N, C-alpha and C. Protein backbone atom coordinates (compact mmCIF):
# COMPACT_ATOMS: atom_id res chain seq x y z
N UNK A 1 36.31 -17.31 8.24
CA UNK A 1 35.58 -16.48 9.17
C UNK A 1 34.35 -15.91 8.45
N UNK A 2 33.20 -16.06 9.03
CA UNK A 2 31.96 -15.62 8.42
C UNK A 2 31.64 -14.20 8.86
N UNK A 3 31.36 -13.39 7.89
CA UNK A 3 31.02 -11.99 8.19
C UNK A 3 29.50 -11.85 8.16
N UNK A 4 28.94 -11.34 9.23
CA UNK A 4 27.49 -11.14 9.28
C UNK A 4 27.18 -9.69 9.03
N UNK A 5 26.10 -9.46 8.31
CA UNK A 5 25.67 -8.09 8.05
C UNK A 5 24.39 -7.84 8.81
N UNK A 6 24.25 -6.68 9.38
CA UNK A 6 23.02 -6.38 10.11
C UNK A 6 21.85 -6.29 9.14
N UNK A 7 20.69 -6.67 9.62
CA UNK A 7 19.50 -6.61 8.77
C UNK A 7 19.09 -5.16 8.58
N UNK A 8 18.31 -4.93 7.53
CA UNK A 8 17.82 -3.57 7.25
C UNK A 8 16.98 -3.04 8.40
N UNK A 9 16.24 -3.93 9.03
CA UNK A 9 15.37 -3.51 10.12
C UNK A 9 16.16 -2.95 11.29
N UNK A 10 17.31 -3.56 11.59
CA UNK A 10 18.10 -3.09 12.73
C UNK A 10 18.79 -1.77 12.41
N UNK A 11 19.00 -1.47 11.11
CA UNK A 11 19.64 -0.22 10.73
C UNK A 11 18.70 0.98 10.90
N UNK A 12 17.41 0.76 10.80
CA UNK A 12 16.45 1.84 10.90
C UNK A 12 16.21 2.20 12.36
N UNK A 13 16.33 3.49 12.70
CA UNK A 13 16.10 3.89 14.09
C UNK A 13 14.68 3.55 14.55
N UNK A 14 14.54 3.25 15.81
CA UNK A 14 13.23 2.88 16.36
C UNK A 14 12.23 4.01 16.19
N UNK A 15 12.68 5.26 16.31
CA UNK A 15 11.78 6.40 16.15
C UNK A 15 11.22 6.46 14.74
N UNK A 16 12.03 6.12 13.75
CA UNK A 16 11.58 6.12 12.36
C UNK A 16 10.56 5.03 12.14
N UNK A 17 10.83 3.83 12.68
CA UNK A 17 9.85 2.74 12.56
C UNK A 17 8.53 3.11 13.21
N UNK A 18 8.60 3.72 14.38
CA UNK A 18 7.38 4.13 15.09
C UNK A 18 6.62 5.17 14.28
N UNK A 19 7.35 6.14 13.72
CA UNK A 19 6.71 7.18 12.90
C UNK A 19 6.02 6.55 11.69
N UNK A 20 6.69 5.62 11.00
CA UNK A 20 6.09 5.00 9.82
C UNK A 20 4.87 4.17 10.20
N UNK A 21 4.92 3.54 11.36
CA UNK A 21 3.76 2.78 11.83
C UNK A 21 2.57 3.72 12.09
N UNK A 22 2.84 4.86 12.71
CA UNK A 22 1.78 5.84 12.98
C UNK A 22 1.21 6.39 11.68
N UNK A 23 2.05 6.68 10.72
CA UNK A 23 1.59 7.20 9.44
C UNK A 23 0.73 6.16 8.72
N UNK A 24 1.16 4.91 8.75
CA UNK A 24 0.39 3.84 8.12
C UNK A 24 -0.99 3.71 8.77
N UNK A 25 -1.05 3.87 10.09
CA UNK A 25 -2.33 3.79 10.79
C UNK A 25 -3.26 4.95 10.39
N UNK A 26 -2.69 6.14 10.17
CA UNK A 26 -3.53 7.29 9.79
C UNK A 26 -4.09 7.13 8.39
N UNK A 27 -3.42 6.35 7.55
CA UNK A 27 -3.91 6.16 6.19
C UNK A 27 -5.07 5.18 6.12
N UNK A 28 -5.22 4.37 7.16
CA UNK A 28 -6.31 3.40 7.15
C UNK A 28 -7.65 4.13 7.25
N UNK A 29 -8.50 3.87 6.31
CA UNK A 29 -9.82 4.48 6.28
C UNK A 29 -10.82 3.34 6.19
N UNK A 30 -11.87 3.44 6.96
CA UNK A 30 -12.88 2.41 6.87
C UNK A 30 -13.48 2.45 5.49
N UNK A 31 -13.40 1.35 4.82
CA UNK A 31 -13.82 1.29 3.43
C UNK A 31 -14.56 -0.02 3.20
N UNK A 32 -15.70 0.09 2.61
CA UNK A 32 -16.44 -1.12 2.28
C UNK A 32 -15.89 -1.69 0.99
N UNK A 33 -15.21 -2.81 1.10
CA UNK A 33 -14.61 -3.43 -0.07
C UNK A 33 -15.59 -4.35 -0.79
N UNK A 34 -16.77 -4.54 -0.20
CA UNK A 34 -17.75 -5.41 -0.82
C UNK A 34 -18.53 -4.67 -1.89
N UNK A 35 -18.84 -5.38 -2.95
CA UNK A 35 -19.64 -4.79 -4.01
C UNK A 35 -21.11 -4.82 -3.58
N UNK A 36 -21.91 -3.80 -3.92
CA UNK A 36 -23.32 -3.83 -3.55
C UNK A 36 -24.04 -4.94 -4.30
N UNK A 37 -24.99 -5.53 -3.63
CA UNK A 37 -25.75 -6.62 -4.23
C UNK A 37 -27.17 -6.13 -4.49
N UNK A 38 -27.65 -6.27 -5.72
CA UNK A 38 -29.00 -5.87 -6.08
C UNK A 38 -29.76 -7.10 -6.53
N UNK A 39 -30.95 -7.28 -6.00
CA UNK A 39 -31.72 -8.48 -6.30
C UNK A 39 -32.27 -8.48 -7.72
N UNK A 40 -32.48 -7.31 -8.34
CA UNK A 40 -33.05 -7.26 -9.67
C UNK A 40 -31.98 -7.29 -10.78
N UNK A 41 -30.74 -7.43 -10.43
CA UNK A 41 -29.65 -7.44 -11.41
C UNK A 41 -28.94 -8.78 -11.36
N UNK A 42 -28.27 -9.10 -12.44
CA UNK A 42 -27.48 -10.31 -12.48
C UNK A 42 -26.29 -10.13 -11.54
N UNK A 43 -26.03 -11.17 -10.79
CA UNK A 43 -24.94 -11.10 -9.83
C UNK A 43 -23.60 -11.10 -10.57
N UNK A 44 -22.80 -10.09 -10.29
CA UNK A 44 -21.45 -10.04 -10.85
C UNK A 44 -20.56 -10.96 -10.02
N UNK A 45 -19.60 -11.59 -10.65
CA UNK A 45 -18.72 -12.45 -9.85
C UNK A 45 -17.95 -11.63 -8.83
N UNK A 46 -17.85 -12.17 -7.63
CA UNK A 46 -17.14 -11.47 -6.56
C UNK A 46 -15.65 -11.46 -6.87
N UNK A 47 -15.05 -10.30 -6.72
CA UNK A 47 -13.62 -10.16 -6.92
C UNK A 47 -12.96 -10.36 -5.56
N UNK A 48 -11.97 -11.22 -5.52
CA UNK A 48 -11.29 -11.47 -4.26
C UNK A 48 -10.36 -10.30 -3.95
N UNK A 49 -10.58 -9.66 -2.82
CA UNK A 49 -9.81 -8.49 -2.40
C UNK A 49 -8.66 -8.90 -1.49
N UNK A 50 -7.73 -7.97 -1.30
CA UNK A 50 -6.61 -8.24 -0.40
C UNK A 50 -7.12 -8.36 1.03
N UNK A 51 -6.42 -9.15 1.84
CA UNK A 51 -6.85 -9.33 3.23
C UNK A 51 -6.22 -8.24 4.12
N UNK A 52 -6.52 -8.27 5.40
CA UNK A 52 -6.05 -7.23 6.33
C UNK A 52 -4.53 -7.18 6.44
N UNK A 53 -3.89 -8.32 6.45
CA UNK A 53 -2.42 -8.33 6.54
C UNK A 53 -1.79 -7.73 5.30
N UNK A 54 -2.33 -8.06 4.15
CA UNK A 54 -1.81 -7.51 2.90
C UNK A 54 -2.05 -6.00 2.85
N UNK A 55 -3.21 -5.57 3.32
CA UNK A 55 -3.53 -4.15 3.35
C UNK A 55 -2.59 -3.40 4.29
N UNK A 56 -2.28 -3.99 5.44
CA UNK A 56 -1.33 -3.38 6.36
C UNK A 56 0.05 -3.25 5.71
N UNK A 57 0.45 -4.25 4.96
CA UNK A 57 1.73 -4.19 4.25
C UNK A 57 1.74 -3.07 3.22
N UNK A 58 0.64 -2.92 2.50
CA UNK A 58 0.54 -1.85 1.50
C UNK A 58 0.63 -0.49 2.20
N UNK A 59 -0.10 -0.32 3.31
CA UNK A 59 -0.06 0.96 4.03
C UNK A 59 1.35 1.26 4.56
N UNK A 60 2.01 0.25 5.08
CA UNK A 60 3.36 0.45 5.59
C UNK A 60 4.32 0.84 4.46
N UNK A 61 4.17 0.20 3.32
CA UNK A 61 5.04 0.52 2.19
C UNK A 61 4.71 1.90 1.62
N UNK A 62 3.45 2.29 1.63
CA UNK A 62 3.07 3.65 1.23
C UNK A 62 3.77 4.67 2.13
N UNK A 63 3.74 4.43 3.43
CA UNK A 63 4.38 5.34 4.38
C UNK A 63 5.89 5.37 4.17
N UNK A 64 6.48 4.21 3.93
CA UNK A 64 7.92 4.13 3.73
C UNK A 64 8.35 4.89 2.47
N UNK A 65 7.64 4.70 1.37
CA UNK A 65 7.97 5.37 0.12
C UNK A 65 7.82 6.88 0.27
N UNK A 66 6.73 7.31 0.87
CA UNK A 66 6.50 8.74 1.03
C UNK A 66 7.55 9.37 1.94
N UNK A 67 7.94 8.67 2.99
CA UNK A 67 8.96 9.18 3.91
C UNK A 67 10.32 9.30 3.22
N UNK A 68 10.71 8.24 2.51
CA UNK A 68 12.02 8.24 1.86
C UNK A 68 12.12 9.18 0.68
N UNK A 69 11.00 9.44 0.01
CA UNK A 69 11.05 10.29 -1.18
C UNK A 69 10.48 11.68 -0.92
N UNK A 70 10.20 11.96 0.35
CA UNK A 70 9.75 13.29 0.77
C UNK A 70 8.50 13.76 -0.01
N UNK A 71 7.51 12.89 -0.03
CA UNK A 71 6.24 13.16 -0.71
C UNK A 71 5.12 12.83 0.26
N UNK A 72 4.01 13.53 0.15
CA UNK A 72 2.87 13.25 1.03
C UNK A 72 2.35 11.83 0.79
N UNK A 73 1.93 11.18 1.87
CA UNK A 73 1.42 9.82 1.78
C UNK A 73 0.19 9.75 0.88
N UNK A 74 -0.64 10.77 0.96
CA UNK A 74 -1.86 10.78 0.16
C UNK A 74 -1.53 10.80 -1.33
N UNK A 75 -0.45 11.48 -1.70
CA UNK A 75 -0.04 11.54 -3.10
C UNK A 75 0.37 10.16 -3.59
N UNK A 76 1.18 9.47 -2.81
CA UNK A 76 1.61 8.13 -3.18
C UNK A 76 0.41 7.20 -3.26
N UNK A 77 -0.50 7.32 -2.31
CA UNK A 77 -1.70 6.48 -2.31
C UNK A 77 -2.54 6.74 -3.55
N UNK A 78 -2.72 8.00 -3.93
CA UNK A 78 -3.52 8.32 -5.13
C UNK A 78 -2.87 7.77 -6.39
N UNK A 79 -1.54 7.78 -6.46
CA UNK A 79 -0.85 7.23 -7.63
C UNK A 79 -1.08 5.72 -7.72
N UNK A 80 -1.01 5.03 -6.60
CA UNK A 80 -1.25 3.58 -6.58
C UNK A 80 -2.70 3.29 -6.98
N UNK A 81 -3.64 4.05 -6.43
CA UNK A 81 -5.05 3.84 -6.76
C UNK A 81 -5.30 4.08 -8.24
N UNK A 82 -4.67 5.09 -8.82
CA UNK A 82 -4.84 5.37 -10.25
C UNK A 82 -4.21 4.26 -11.09
N UNK A 83 -3.05 3.78 -10.69
CA UNK A 83 -2.36 2.73 -11.44
C UNK A 83 -3.19 1.45 -11.50
N UNK A 84 -3.88 1.13 -10.41
CA UNK A 84 -4.63 -0.13 -10.34
C UNK A 84 -6.13 0.05 -10.55
N UNK A 85 -6.58 1.26 -10.83
CA UNK A 85 -7.98 1.50 -11.17
C UNK A 85 -8.96 1.25 -10.04
N UNK A 86 -8.57 1.60 -8.83
CA UNK A 86 -9.47 1.46 -7.68
C UNK A 86 -9.64 2.82 -7.02
N UNK A 87 -10.75 3.00 -6.29
CA UNK A 87 -10.94 4.28 -5.62
C UNK A 87 -10.37 4.28 -4.20
N UNK A 88 -9.89 3.14 -3.74
CA UNK A 88 -9.21 3.06 -2.44
C UNK A 88 -8.33 1.81 -2.46
N UNK A 89 -7.15 1.91 -1.83
CA UNK A 89 -6.23 0.77 -1.85
C UNK A 89 -6.82 -0.48 -1.21
N UNK A 90 -7.79 -0.33 -0.34
CA UNK A 90 -8.43 -1.49 0.28
C UNK A 90 -9.21 -2.32 -0.74
N UNK A 91 -9.47 -1.75 -1.89
CA UNK A 91 -10.21 -2.45 -2.93
C UNK A 91 -9.30 -3.11 -3.97
N UNK A 92 -8.00 -3.14 -3.69
CA UNK A 92 -7.09 -3.83 -4.60
C UNK A 92 -7.48 -5.30 -4.70
N UNK A 93 -7.35 -5.83 -5.90
CA UNK A 93 -7.62 -7.26 -6.09
C UNK A 93 -6.47 -8.07 -5.54
N UNK A 94 -6.77 -9.24 -5.07
CA UNK A 94 -5.72 -10.11 -4.53
C UNK A 94 -4.68 -10.43 -5.61
N UNK A 95 -5.12 -10.57 -6.86
CA UNK A 95 -4.19 -10.86 -7.95
C UNK A 95 -3.20 -9.71 -8.18
N UNK A 96 -3.56 -8.49 -7.77
CA UNK A 96 -2.71 -7.32 -7.98
C UNK A 96 -1.79 -7.02 -6.79
N UNK A 97 -1.88 -7.80 -5.73
CA UNK A 97 -1.12 -7.49 -4.52
C UNK A 97 0.39 -7.45 -4.78
N UNK A 98 0.95 -8.50 -5.36
CA UNK A 98 2.40 -8.53 -5.59
C UNK A 98 2.82 -7.46 -6.59
N UNK A 99 2.00 -7.21 -7.59
CA UNK A 99 2.32 -6.16 -8.56
C UNK A 99 2.31 -4.80 -7.89
N UNK A 100 1.39 -4.58 -6.93
CA UNK A 100 1.34 -3.31 -6.20
C UNK A 100 2.58 -3.14 -5.33
N UNK A 101 3.03 -4.21 -4.69
CA UNK A 101 4.25 -4.16 -3.88
C UNK A 101 5.43 -3.80 -4.78
N UNK A 102 5.54 -4.47 -5.91
CA UNK A 102 6.64 -4.19 -6.83
C UNK A 102 6.57 -2.76 -7.36
N UNK A 103 5.36 -2.29 -7.65
CA UNK A 103 5.17 -0.93 -8.13
C UNK A 103 5.67 0.08 -7.10
N UNK A 104 5.32 -0.13 -5.82
CA UNK A 104 5.76 0.78 -4.77
C UNK A 104 7.26 0.72 -4.54
N UNK A 105 7.83 -0.46 -4.59
CA UNK A 105 9.28 -0.60 -4.39
C UNK A 105 10.04 0.11 -5.50
N UNK A 106 9.55 -0.01 -6.72
CA UNK A 106 10.23 0.59 -7.87
C UNK A 106 9.86 2.05 -8.11
N UNK A 107 8.91 2.59 -7.35
CA UNK A 107 8.40 3.94 -7.60
C UNK A 107 9.50 4.99 -7.38
N UNK A 108 9.63 5.85 -8.37
CA UNK A 108 10.54 6.99 -8.28
C UNK A 108 9.71 8.23 -8.56
N UNK A 109 9.40 8.96 -7.51
CA UNK A 109 8.51 10.13 -7.63
C UNK A 109 9.08 11.19 -8.57
N UNK A 110 10.39 11.33 -8.63
CA UNK A 110 10.98 12.32 -9.52
C UNK A 110 10.60 12.05 -10.97
N UNK A 111 10.56 10.79 -11.36
CA UNK A 111 10.21 10.42 -12.72
C UNK A 111 8.71 10.58 -12.98
N UNK A 112 7.91 10.35 -11.97
CA UNK A 112 6.45 10.47 -12.14
C UNK A 112 6.04 11.93 -12.21
N UNK A 113 6.59 12.74 -11.34
CA UNK A 113 6.18 14.14 -11.25
C UNK A 113 6.79 14.97 -12.36
N UNK A 114 8.04 14.72 -12.71
CA UNK A 114 8.71 15.54 -13.73
C UNK A 114 8.52 15.00 -15.09
């Protein structure tokens, strides 16, 4: 007899999912991820940034971590930005996307703050 386990998504109340979606939307800030181009300077190589879907995933995970660890979303976002050396999460490099996800999943605010 095969025992099935409910998925994590079905365990989370719909109100909680809706709240996290709303919080993730509030964190989205219009941000120019493009580097300025100057005609009198040598062109720097363009850094490939995360796309919209990856950015949405980062925002959702920021909201999830802040909700579960009872910390403001802005605090979690600032920690991620400091860890990856960007002034906004929308400027994360594509190469850093998986590392940022792992960083957020493993984040323990008690250890960072204390």
